[in-house]
Every structure is written in C-alpha cells, then in structure tokens.
C-alpha cells in the first residue's frame, strides 16, 4: 500500500478565534480542516468548554509540509502574544494524497 508524506498541524486555542482562524486558514491555502471542542489544563490553568466564551477548540489540518510550516509561523506571529494558543506539528502518512 503506497503512503504519501504530509504534516499534521494541530492548533489548540480559544474558541472566540474560530471564525477568524477559519478565514485565515483558507486565505493561506488550506483545503480542509477539522475543528472540535477541547478541554484541559495548561500553563494558563484549567479550561472548561461549558461556557462558550471561555472554551477552547482544537483545529487539525493535514497538508503539505511547507504549507503547515507557513501556517504555523503565521499563527504564532499573529496570536501567541495575545491569546492562549498551542501549535504542534507531526509527520503523518496519507493514503489519498489528492485530499490533502
């Protein structure tokens, strides 16, 4: 079975940014993404999802490595100083490269 290398960019951030992030992802060339609610605890304390204005989301993007790096850099530069946001990248393999 042939596999194709891609990169998974995961963004965990404040739900209030969802609309803006979606617009920026699309403007940067991302073809698809998955957004889910997220809860947890980190350096800024515990985040609950039962109140929309204080909830977190998890955004996952599978794409070409160069695009993932570009998007991560843009988000880091634009949001890190003013919002709770964690970014991480992972190498992944896909079976249907035309989807990503």
PDB file of N, CA and C in Angstrom:
ATOM      1  N   UNK A   1       0.846  -1.166   0.000  1.00  0.00           N
ATOM      2  CA  UNK A   1       0.000   0.000   0.000  1.00  0.00           C
ATOM      3  C   UNK A   1       0.900   1.240   0.000  1.00  0.00           C
ATOM      4  N   UNK A   2       0.691   2.098  -0.965  1.00  0.00           N
ATOM      5  CA  UNK A   2       1.516   3.296  -1.077  1.00  0.00           C
ATOM      6  C   UNK A   2       1.016   4.375  -0.115  1.00  0.00           C
ATOM      7  N   UNK A   3       1.976   4.999   0.578  1.00  0.00           N
ATOM      8  CA  UNK A   3       1.671   6.075   1.515  1.00  0.00           C
ATOM      9  C   UNK A   3       2.380   7.344   1.068  1.00  0.00           C
ATOM     10  N   UNK A   4       1.787   8.480   1.401  1.00  0.00           N
ATOM     11  CA  UNK A   4       2.315   9.766   0.973  1.00  0.00           C
ATOM     12  C   UNK A   4       2.541  10.650   2.199  1.00  0.00           C
ATOM     13  N   UNK A   5       3.717  11.278   2.305  1.00  0.00           N
ATOM     14  CA  UNK A   5       4.008  12.088   3.491  1.00  0.00           C
ATOM     15  C   UNK A   5       3.253  13.417   3.485  1.00  0.00           C
ATOM     16  N   UNK A   6       2.725  13.748   4.633  1.00  0.00           N
ATOM     17  CA  UNK A   6       2.085  15.026   4.865  1.00  0.00           C
ATOM     18  C   UNK A   6       2.430  15.447   6.289  1.00  0.00           C
ATOM     19  N   UNK A   7       1.972  16.622   6.688  1.00  0.00           N
ATOM     20  CA  UNK A   7       2.198  17.092   8.044  1.00  0.00           C
ATOM     21  C   UNK A   7       0.854  17.428   8.663  1.00  0.00           C
ATOM     22  N   UNK A   8       0.694  17.058   9.926  1.00  0.00           N
ATOM     23  CA  UNK A   8      -0.493  17.386  10.707  1.00  0.00           C
ATOM     24  C   UNK A   8      -0.160  18.583  11.579  1.00  0.00           C
ATOM     25  N   UNK A   9      -0.869  19.678  11.378  1.00  0.00           N
ATOM     26  CA  UNK A   9      -0.761  20.865  12.220  1.00  0.00           C
ATOM     27  C   UNK A   9      -1.955  20.847  13.154  1.00  0.00           C
ATOM     28  N   UNK A  10      -1.687  20.889  14.453  1.00  0.00           N
ATOM     29  CA  UNK A  10      -2.743  20.942  15.452  1.00  0.00           C
ATOM     30  C   UNK A  10      -2.648  22.273  16.179  1.00  0.00           C
ATOM     31  N   UNK A  11      -3.776  22.945  16.294  1.00  0.00           N
ATOM     32  CA  UNK A  11      -3.876  24.231  16.976  1.00  0.00           C
ATOM     33  C   UNK A  11      -4.900  24.071  18.095  1.00  0.00           C
ATOM     34  N   UNK A  12      -4.495  24.344  19.322  1.00  0.00           N
ATOM     35  CA  UNK A  12      -5.440  24.382  20.439  1.00  0.00           C
ATOM     36  C   UNK A  12      -5.468  25.827  20.910  1.00  0.00           C
ATOM     37  N   UNK A  13      -6.655  26.424  20.868  1.00  0.00           N
ATOM     38  CA  UNK A  13      -6.754  27.850  21.170  1.00  0.00           C
ATOM     39  C   UNK A  13      -8.149  28.199  21.656  1.00  0.00           C
ATOM     40  N   UNK A  14      -8.354  29.457  21.899  1.00  0.00           N
ATOM     41  CA  UNK A  14      -9.623  29.977  22.392  1.00  0.00           C
ATOM     42  C   UNK A  14     -10.704  29.912  21.307  1.00  0.00           C
ATOM     43  N   UNK A  15     -11.873  29.443  21.678  1.00  0.00           N
ATOM     44  CA  UNK A  15     -12.970  29.283  20.720  1.00  0.00           C
ATOM     45  C   UNK A  15     -13.391  30.599  20.081  1.00  0.00           C
ATOM     46  N   UNK A  16     -13.174  31.694  20.768  1.00  0.00           N
ATOM     47  CA  UNK A  16     -13.556  33.004  20.225  1.00  0.00           C
ATOM     48  C   UNK A  16     -12.832  33.301  18.911  1.00  0.00           C
ATOM     49  N   UNK A  17     -11.731  32.619  18.645  1.00  0.00           N
ATOM     50  CA  UNK A  17     -10.955  32.850  17.415  1.00  0.00           C
ATOM     51  C   UNK A  17     -11.415  32.005  16.218  1.00  0.00           C
ATOM     52  N   UNK A  18     -12.397  31.145  16.402  1.00  0.00           N
ATOM     53  CA  UNK A  18     -12.735  30.175  15.357  1.00  0.00           C
ATOM     54  C   UNK A  18     -13.007  30.811  14.002  1.00  0.00           C
ATOM     55  N   UNK A  19     -13.886  31.774  13.917  1.00  0.00           N
ATOM     56  CA  UNK A  19     -14.216  32.385  12.611  1.00  0.00           C
ATOM     57  C   UNK A  19     -12.992  33.005  11.959  1.00  0.00           C
ATOM     58  N   UNK A  20     -12.229  33.730  12.750  1.00  0.00           N
ATOM     59  CA  UNK A  20     -11.036  34.395  12.225  1.00  0.00           C
ATOM     60  C   UNK A  20     -10.002  33.368  11.750  1.00  0.00           C
ATOM     61  N   UNK A  21      -9.812  32.308  12.528  1.00  0.00           N
ATOM     62  CA  UNK A  21      -8.852  31.270  12.134  1.00  0.00           C
ATOM     63  C   UNK A  21      -9.267  30.582  10.841  1.00  0.00           C
ATOM     64  N   UNK A  22     -10.538  30.261  10.723  1.00  0.00           N
ATOM     65  CA  UNK A  22     -11.033  29.610   9.506  1.00  0.00           C
ATOM     66  C   UNK A  22     -10.762  30.492   8.290  1.00  0.00           C
ATOM     67  N   UNK A  23     -11.048  31.764   8.396  1.00  0.00           N
ATOM     68  CA  UNK A  23     -10.802  32.685   7.286  1.00  0.00           C
ATOM     69  C   UNK A  23      -9.317  32.744   6.947  1.00  0.00           C
ATOM     70  N   UNK A  24      -8.470  32.780   7.958  1.00  0.00           N
ATOM     71  CA  UNK A  24      -7.030  32.844   7.706  1.00  0.00           C
ATOM     72  C   UNK A  24      -6.500  31.548   7.118  1.00  0.00           C
ATOM     73  N   UNK A  25      -6.970  30.416   7.621  1.00  0.00           N
ATOM     74  CA  UNK A  25      -6.529  29.133   7.060  1.00  0.00           C
ATOM     75  C   UNK A  25      -6.857  29.066   5.570  1.00  0.00           C
ATOM     76  N   UNK A  26      -8.068  29.435   5.235  1.00  0.00           N
ATOM     77  CA  UNK A  26      -8.483  29.387   3.832  1.00  0.00           C
ATOM     78  C   UNK A  26      -7.681  30.369   2.984  1.00  0.00           C
ATOM     79  N   UNK A  27      -7.429  31.562   3.506  1.00  0.00           N
ATOM     80  CA  UNK A  27      -6.643  32.561   2.767  1.00  0.00           C
ATOM     81  C   UNK A  27      -5.204  32.101   2.559  1.00  0.00           C
ATOM     82  N   UNK A  28      -4.691  31.300   3.484  1.00  0.00           N
ATOM     83  CA  UNK A  28      -3.317  30.795   3.374  1.00  0.00           C
ATOM     84  C   UNK A  28      -3.212  29.561   2.468  1.00  0.00           C
ATOM     85  N   UNK A  29      -4.355  29.037   2.013  1.00  0.00           N
ATOM     86  CA  UNK A  29      -4.327  27.915   1.080  1.00  0.00           C
ATOM     87  C   UNK A  29      -4.674  26.562   1.652  1.00  0.00           C
ATOM     88  N   UNK A  30      -5.144  26.502   2.885  1.00  0.00           N
ATOM     89  CA  UNK A  30      -5.551  25.231   3.485  1.00  0.00           C
ATOM     90  C   UNK A  30      -6.843  24.775   2.820  1.00  0.00           C
ATOM     91  N   UNK A  31      -6.863  23.519   2.389  1.00  0.00           N
ATOM     92  CA  UNK A  31      -8.027  22.990   1.668  1.00  0.00           C
ATOM     93  C   UNK A  31      -9.074  22.381   2.581  1.00  0.00           C
ATOM     94  N   UNK A  32      -8.682  21.975   3.777  1.00  0.00           N
ATOM     95  CA  UNK A  32      -9.628  21.356   4.700  1.00  0.00           C
ATOM     96  C   UNK A  32      -9.082  21.352   6.112  1.00  0.00           C
ATOM     97  N   UNK A  33      -9.972  21.190   7.067  1.00  0.00           N
ATOM     98  CA  UNK A  33      -9.584  21.201   8.473  1.00  0.00           C
ATOM     99  C   UNK A  33     -10.697  20.529   9.265  1.00  0.00           C
ATOM    100  N   UNK A  34     -10.386  20.158  10.488  1.00  0.00           N
ATOM    101  CA  UNK A  34     -11.358  19.610  11.422  1.00  0.00           C
ATOM    102  C   UNK A  34     -11.280  20.438  12.693  1.00  0.00           C
ATOM    103  N   UNK A  35     -12.440  20.831  13.219  1.00  0.00           N
ATOM    104  CA  UNK A  35     -12.491  21.609  14.457  1.00  0.00           C
ATOM    105  C   UNK A  35     -13.345  20.853  15.466  1.00  0.00           C
ATOM    106  N   UNK A  36     -12.796  20.674  16.664  1.00  0.00           N
ATOM    107  CA  UNK A  36     -13.526  20.036  17.758  1.00  0.00           C
ATOM    108  C   UNK A  36     -13.387  20.877  19.018  1.00  0.00           C
ATOM    109  N   UNK A  37     -14.320  20.689  19.957  1.00  0.00           N
ATOM    110  CA  UNK A  37     -14.210  21.342  21.251  1.00  0.00           C
ATOM    111  C   UNK A  37     -13.067  20.695  22.024  1.00  0.00           C
ATOM    112  N   UNK A  38     -12.418  21.479  22.869  1.00  0.00           N
ATOM    113  CA  UNK A  38     -11.290  20.965  23.645  1.00  0.00           C
ATOM    114  C   UNK A  38     -11.391  21.446  25.086  1.00  0.00           C
ATOM    115  N   UNK A  39     -10.991  20.580  26.000  1.00  0.00           N
ATOM    116  CA  UNK A  39     -10.910  20.910  27.422  1.00  0.00           C
ATOM    117  C   UNK A  39      -9.554  20.454  27.922  1.00  0.00           C
ATOM    118  N   UNK A  40      -9.093  21.050  29.010  1.00  0.00           N
ATOM    119  CA  UNK A  40      -7.844  20.595  29.585  1.00  0.00           C
ATOM    120  C   UNK A  40      -7.250  21.601  30.540  1.00  0.00           C
ATOM    121  N   UNK A  41      -6.012  21.352  30.885  1.00  0.00           N
ATOM    122  CA  UNK A  41      -5.302  22.215  31.810  1.00  0.00           C
ATOM    123  C   UNK A  41      -3.905  22.434  31.276  1.00  0.00           C
ATOM    124  N   UNK A  42      -3.439  23.669  31.361  1.00  0.00           N
ATOM    125  CA  UNK A  42      -2.101  24.001  30.895  1.00  0.00           C
ATOM    126  C   UNK A  42      -1.535  25.143  31.705  1.00  0.00           C
ATOM    127  N   UNK A  43      -0.602  25.848  31.104  1.00  0.00           N
ATOM    128  CA  UNK A  43       0.088  26.922  31.813  1.00  0.00           C
ATOM    129  C   UNK A  43      -0.845  28.058  32.226  1.00  0.00           C
ATOM    130  N   UNK A  44      -1.970  28.188  31.557  1.00  0.00           N
ATOM    131  CA  UNK A  44      -2.929  29.249  31.901  1.00  0.00           C
ATOM    132  C   UNK A  44      -4.082  28.715  32.745  1.00  0.00           C
ATOM    133  N   UNK A  45      -3.921  27.524  33.298  1.00  0.00           N
ATOM    134  CA  UNK A  45      -4.940  26.947  34.167  1.00  0.00           C
ATOM    135  C   UNK A  45      -5.874  26.018  33.426  1.00  0.00           C
ATOM    136  N   UNK A  46      -6.952  25.660  34.082  1.00  0.00           N
ATOM    137  CA  UNK A  46      -7.929  24.735  33.524  1.00  0.00           C
ATOM    138  C   UNK A  46      -8.900  25.479  32.635  1.00  0.00           C
ATOM    139  N   UNK A  47      -9.191  24.894  31.474  1.00  0.00           N
ATOM    140  CA  UNK A  47     -10.146  25.482  30.533  1.00  0.00           C
ATOM    141  C   UNK A  47     -11.330  24.533  30.410  1.00  0.00           C
ATOM    142  N   UNK A  48     -12.515  25.054  30.644  1.00  0.00           N
ATOM    143  CA  UNK A  48     -13.750  24.282  30.521  1.00  0.00           C
ATOM    144  C   UNK A  48     -14.381  24.590  29.171  1.00  0.00           C
ATOM    145  N   UNK A  49     -15.281  23.743  28.731  1.00  0.00           N
ATOM    146  CA  UNK A  49     -15.971  24.025  27.471  1.00  0.00           C
ATOM    147  C   UNK A  49     -17.451  24.296  27.687  1.00  0.00           C
ATOM    148  N   UNK A  50     -17.878  24.426  28.940  1.00  0.00           N
ATOM    149  CA  UNK A  50     -19.298  24.609  29.188  1.00  0.00           C
ATOM    150  C   UNK A  50     -19.751  26.065  29.083  1.00  0.00           C
ATOM    151  N   UNK A  51     -18.812  26.993  28.892  1.00  0.00           N
ATOM    152  CA  UNK A  51     -19.164  28.392  28.676  1.00  0.00           C
ATOM    153  C   UNK A  51     -18.432  28.841  27.426  1.00  0.00           C
ATOM    154  N   UNK A  52     -19.144  29.145  26.366  1.00  0.00           N
ATOM    155  CA  UNK A  52     -18.564  29.362  25.038  1.00  0.00           C
ATOM    156  C   UNK A  52     -17.444  30.395  25.023  1.00  0.00           C
ATOM    157  N   UNK A  53     -17.564  31.445  25.801  1.00  0.00           N
ATOM    158  CA  UNK A  53     -16.555  32.488  25.754  1.00  0.00           C
ATOM    159  C   UNK A  53     -15.261  32.092  26.444  1.00  0.00           C
ATOM    160  N   UNK A  54     -15.267  31.002  27.179  1.00  0.00           N
ATOM    161  CA  UNK A  54     -14.046  30.547  27.831  1.00  0.00           C
ATOM    162  C   UNK A  54     -13.616  29.184  27.334  1.00  0.00           C
ATOM    163  N   UNK A  55     -14.257  28.678  26.299  1.00  0.00           N
ATOM    164  CA  UNK A  55     -13.936  27.344  25.827  1.00  0.00           C
ATOM    165  C   UNK A  55     -12.765  27.367  24.849  1.00  0.00           C
ATOM    166  N   UNK A  56     -12.241  26.201  24.596  1.00  0.00           N
ATOM    167  CA  UNK A  56     -11.149  26.023  23.644  1.00  0.00           C
ATOM    168  C   UNK A  56     -11.619  25.181  22.476  1.00  0.00           C
ATOM    169  N   UNK A  57     -10.909  25.313  21.378  1.00  0.00           N
ATOM    170  CA  UNK A  57     -11.119  24.454  20.220  1.00  0.00           C
ATOM    171  C   UNK A  57      -9.792  23.817  19.833  1.00  0.00           C
ATOM    172  N   UNK A  58      -9.906  22.725  19.121  1.00  0.00           N
ATOM    173  CA  UNK A  58      -8.747  22.036  18.553  1.00  0.00           C
ATOM    174  C   UNK A  58      -8.968  22.020  17.048  1.00  0.00           C
ATOM    175  N   UNK A  59      -8.034  22.607  16.321  1.00  0.00           N
ATOM    176  CA  UNK A  59      -8.113  22.671  14.865  1.00  0.00           C
ATOM    177  C   UNK A  59      -7.013  21.773  14.316  1.00  0.00           C
ATOM    178  N   UNK A  60      -7.382  20.852  13.447  1.00  0.00           N
ATOM    179  CA  UNK A  60      -6.407  19.947  12.847  1.00  0.00           C
ATOM    180  C   UNK A  60      -6.408  20.123  11.335  1.00  0.00           C
ATOM    181  N   UNK A  61      -5.203  20.241  10.792  1.00  0.00           N
ATOM    182  CA  UNK A  61      -5.016  20.434   9.362  1.00  0.00           C
ATOM    183  C   UNK A  61      -3.972  19.424   8.888  1.00  0.00           C
ATOM    184  N   UNK A  62      -4.291  18.636   7.884  1.00  0.00           N
ATOM    185  CA  UNK A  62      -3.320  17.754   7.243  1.00  0.00           C
ATOM    186  C   UNK A  62      -3.033  18.360   5.875  1.00  0.00           C
ATOM    187  N   UNK A  63      -1.753  18.618   5.595  1.00  0.00           N
ATOM    188  CA  UNK A  63      -1.401  19.284   4.341  1.00  0.00           C
ATOM    189  C   UNK A  63       0.066  19.031   4.010  1.00  0.00           C
ATOM    190  N   UNK A  64       0.515  19.616   2.932  1.00  0.00           N
ATOM    191  CA  UNK A  64       1.921  19.548   2.555  1.00  0.00           C
ATOM    192  C   UNK A  64       2.771  20.170   3.663  1.00  0.00           C
ATOM    193  N   UNK A  65       3.949  19.619   3.923  1.00  0.00           N
ATOM    194  CA  UNK A  65       4.802  20.147   4.999  1.00  0.00           C
ATOM    195  C   UNK A  65       5.101  21.641   4.893  1.00  0.00           C
ATOM    196  N   UNK A  66       5.370  22.139   3.700  1.00  0.00           N
ATOM    197  CA  UNK A  66       5.696  23.567   3.554  1.00  0.00           C
ATOM    198  C   UNK A  66       4.513  24.455   3.946  1.00  0.00           C
ATOM    199  N   UNK A  67       3.302  24.041   3.589  1.00  0.00           N
ATOM    200  CA  UNK A  67       2.113  24.807   3.948  1.00  0.00           C
ATOM    201  C   UNK A  67       1.896  24.769   5.458  1.00  0.00           C
ATOM    202  N   UNK A  68       2.078  23.621   6.071  1.00  0.00           N
ATOM    203  CA  UNK A  68       1.919  23.510   7.524  1.00  0.00           C
ATOM    204  C   UNK A  68       2.884  24.434   8.250  1.00  0.00           C
ATOM    205  N   UNK A  69       4.123  24.491   7.784  1.00  0.00           N
ATOM    206  CA  UNK A  69       5.132  25.368   8.400  1.00  0.00           C
ATOM    207  C   UNK A  69       4.742  26.837   8.228  1.00  0.00           C
ATOM    208  N   UNK A  70       4.268  27.189   7.047  1.00  0.00           N
ATOM    209  CA  UNK A  70       3.876  28.573   6.779  1.00  0.00           C
ATOM    210  C   UNK A  70       2.688  28.990   7.653  1.00  0.00           C
ATOM    211  N   UNK A  71       1.695  28.125   7.749  1.00  0.00           N
ATOM    212  CA  UNK A  71       0.518  28.432   8.564  1.00  0.00           C
ATOM    213  C   UNK A  71       0.904  28.531  10.038  1.00  0.00           C
ATOM    214  N   UNK A  72       1.701  27.599  10.519  1.00  0.00           N
ATOM    215  CA  UNK A  72       2.122  27.630  11.924  1.00  0.00           C
ATOM    216  C   UNK A  72       2.881  28.912  12.240  1.00  0.00           C
ATOM    217  N   UNK A  73       3.770  29.320  11.372  1.00  0.00           N
ATOM    218  CA  UNK A  73       4.516  30.556  11.580  1.00  0.00           C
ATOM    219  C   UNK A  73       3.615  31.768  11.616  1.00  0.00           C
ATOM    220  N   UNK A  74       2.652  31.801  10.709  1.00  0.00           N
ATOM    221  CA  UNK A  74       1.709  32.920  10.671  1.00  0.00           C
ATOM    222  C   UNK A  74       0.891  32.991  11.962  1.00  0.00           C
ATOM    223  N   UNK A  75       0.352  31.852  12.398  1.00  0.00           N
ATOM    224  CA  UNK A  75      -0.463  31.836  13.610  1.00  0.00           C
ATOM    225  C   UNK A  75       0.366  32.207  14.835  1.00  0.00           C
ATOM    226  N   UNK A  76       1.570  31.691  14.914  1.00  0.00           N
ATOM    227  CA  UNK A  76       2.466  32.024  16.029  1.00  0.00           C
ATOM    228  C   UNK A  76       2.704  33.537  16.083  1.00  0.00           C
ATOM    229  N   UNK A  77       3.055  34.112  14.945  1.00  0.00           N
ATOM    230  CA  UNK A  77       3.367  35.538  14.905  1.00  0.00           C
ATOM    231  C   UNK A  77       2.148  36.409  15.208  1.00  0.00           C
ATOM    232  N   UNK A  78       0.990  35.977  14.764  1.00  0.00           N
ATOM    233  CA  UNK A  78      -0.219  36.805  14.910  1.00  0.00           C
ATOM    234  C   UNK A  78      -0.906  36.656  16.272  1.00  0.00           C
ATOM    235  N   UNK A  79      -0.865  35.455  16.880  1.00  0.00           N
ATOM    236  CA  UNK A  79      -1.704  35.202  18.048  1.00  0.00           C
ATOM    237  C   UNK A  79      -0.977  34.913  19.365  1.00  0.00           C
ATOM    238  N   UNK A  80       0.234  34.430  19.321  1.00  0.00           N
ATOM    239  CA  UNK A  80       0.886  33.987  20.557  1.00  0.00           C
ATOM    240  C   UNK A  80       0.947  35.055  21.643  1.00  0.00           C
ATOM    241  N   UNK A  81       1.165  36.293  21.300  1.00  0.00           N
ATOM    242  CA  UNK A  81       1.325  37.335  22.309  1.00  0.00           C
ATOM    243  C   UNK A  81       0.030  37.713  23.020  1.00  0.00           C
ATOM    244  N   UNK A  82      -1.119  37.409  22.419  1.00  0.00           N
ATOM    245  CA  UNK A  82      -2.374  37.915  22.974  1.00  0.00           C
ATOM    246  C   UNK A  82      -3.430  36.857  23.275  1.00  0.00           C
ATOM    247  N   UNK A  83      -3.200  35.616  22.881  1.00  0.00           N
ATOM    248  CA  UNK A  83      -4.200  34.567  23.074  1.00  0.00           C
ATOM    249  C   UNK A  83      -3.540  33.302  23.593  1.00  0.00           C
ATOM    250  N   UNK A  84      -4.336  32.496  24.291  1.00  0.00           N
ATOM    251  CA  UNK A  84      -3.871  31.167  24.675  1.00  0.00           C
ATOM    252  C   UNK A  84      -3.889  30.312  23.410  1.00  0.00           C
ATOM    253  N   UNK A  85      -2.716  29.834  22.998  1.00  0.00           N
ATOM    254  CA  UNK A  85      -2.629  29.032  21.780  1.00  0.00           C
ATOM    255  C   UNK A  85      -1.424  28.103  21.877  1.00  0.00           C
ATOM    256  N   UNK A  86      -1.649  26.866  21.487  1.00  0.00           N
ATOM    257  CA  UNK A  86      -0.583  25.886  21.384  1.00  0.00           C
ATOM    258  C   UNK A  86      -0.604  25.341  19.965  1.00  0.00           C
ATOM    259  N   UNK A  87       0.548  25.267  19.341  1.00  0.00           N
ATOM    260  CA  UNK A  87       0.686  24.700  17.999  1.00  0.00           C
ATOM    261  C   UNK A  87       1.638  23.520  18.081  1.00  0.00           C
ATOM    262  N   UNK A  88       1.334  22.457  17.369  1.00  0.00           N
ATOM    263  CA  UNK A  88       2.326  21.405  17.204  1.00  0.00           C
ATOM    264  C   UNK A  88       2.170  20.728  15.857  1.00  0.00           C
ATOM    265  N   UNK A  89       3.279  20.211  15.375  1.00  0.00           N
ATOM    266  CA  UNK A  89       3.356  19.583  14.059  1.00  0.00           C
ATOM    267  C   UNK A  89       3.787  18.136  14.208  1.00  0.00           C
ATOM    268  N   UNK A  90       3.205  17.276  13.395  1.00  0.00           N
ATOM    269  CA  UNK A  90       3.572  15.862  13.370  1.00  0.00           C
ATOM    270  C   UNK A  90       3.651  15.397  11.928  1.00  0.00           C
ATOM    271  N   UNK A  91       4.613  14.551  11.649  1.00  0.00           N
ATOM    272  CA  UNK A  91       4.673  13.921  10.337  1.00  0.00           C
ATOM    273  C   UNK A  91       3.645  12.802  10.301  1.00  0.00           C
ATOM    274  N   UNK A  92       2.876  12.744   9.226  1.00  0.00           N
ATOM    275  CA  UNK A  92       1.859  11.705   9.043  1.00  0.00           C
ATOM    276  C   UNK A  92       1.968  11.177   7.614  1.00  0.00           C
ATOM    277  N   UNK A  93       1.359  10.031   7.383  1.00  0.00           N
ATOM    278  CA  UNK A  93       1.253   9.456   6.047  1.00  0.00           C
ATOM    279  C   UNK A  93      -0.219   9.344   5.688  1.00  0.00           C
ATOM    280  N   UNK A  94      -0.534   9.636   4.438  1.00  0.00           N
ATOM    281  CA  UNK A  94      -1.913   9.538   3.970  1.00  0.00           C
ATOM    282  C   UNK A  94      -1.978   8.544   2.811  1.00  0.00           C
ATOM    283  N   UNK A  95      -3.146   8.017   2.585  1.00  0.00           N
ATOM    284  CA  UNK A  95      -3.338   7.039   1.507  1.00  0.00           C
ATOM    285  C   UNK A  95      -3.992   7.676   0.287  1.00  0.00           C
ATOM    286  N   UNK A  96      -4.627   8.823   0.477  1.00  0.00           N
ATOM    287  CA  UNK A  96      -5.299   9.534  -0.625  1.00  0.00           C
ATOM    288  C   UNK A  96      -4.722  10.938  -0.715  1.00  0.00           C
ATOM    289  N   UNK A  97      -3.585  11.122  -1.350  1.00  0.00           N
ATOM    290  CA  UNK A  97      -2.898  12.418  -1.345  1.00  0.00           C
ATOM    291  C   UNK A  97      -3.700  13.543  -1.989  1.00  0.00           C
ATOM    292  N   UNK A  98      -4.607  13.215  -2.904  1.00  0.00           N
ATOM    293  CA  UNK A  98      -5.379  14.258  -3.575  1.00  0.00           C
ATOM    294  C   UNK A  98      -6.336  14.971  -2.615  1.00  0.00           C
ATOM    295  N   UNK A  99      -6.599  14.393  -1.448  1.00  0.00           N
ATOM    296  CA  UNK A  99      -7.461  15.027  -0.455  1.00  0.00           C
ATOM    297  C   UNK A  99      -6.748  16.102   0.349  1.00  0.00           C
ATOM    298  N   UNK A 100      -5.415  16.102   0.289  1.00  0.00           N
ATOM    299  CA  UNK A 100      -4.622  16.994   1.137  1.00  0.00           C
ATOM    300  C   UNK A 100      -3.689  17.827   0.302  1.00  0.00           C
TER     301      UNK A 100
END
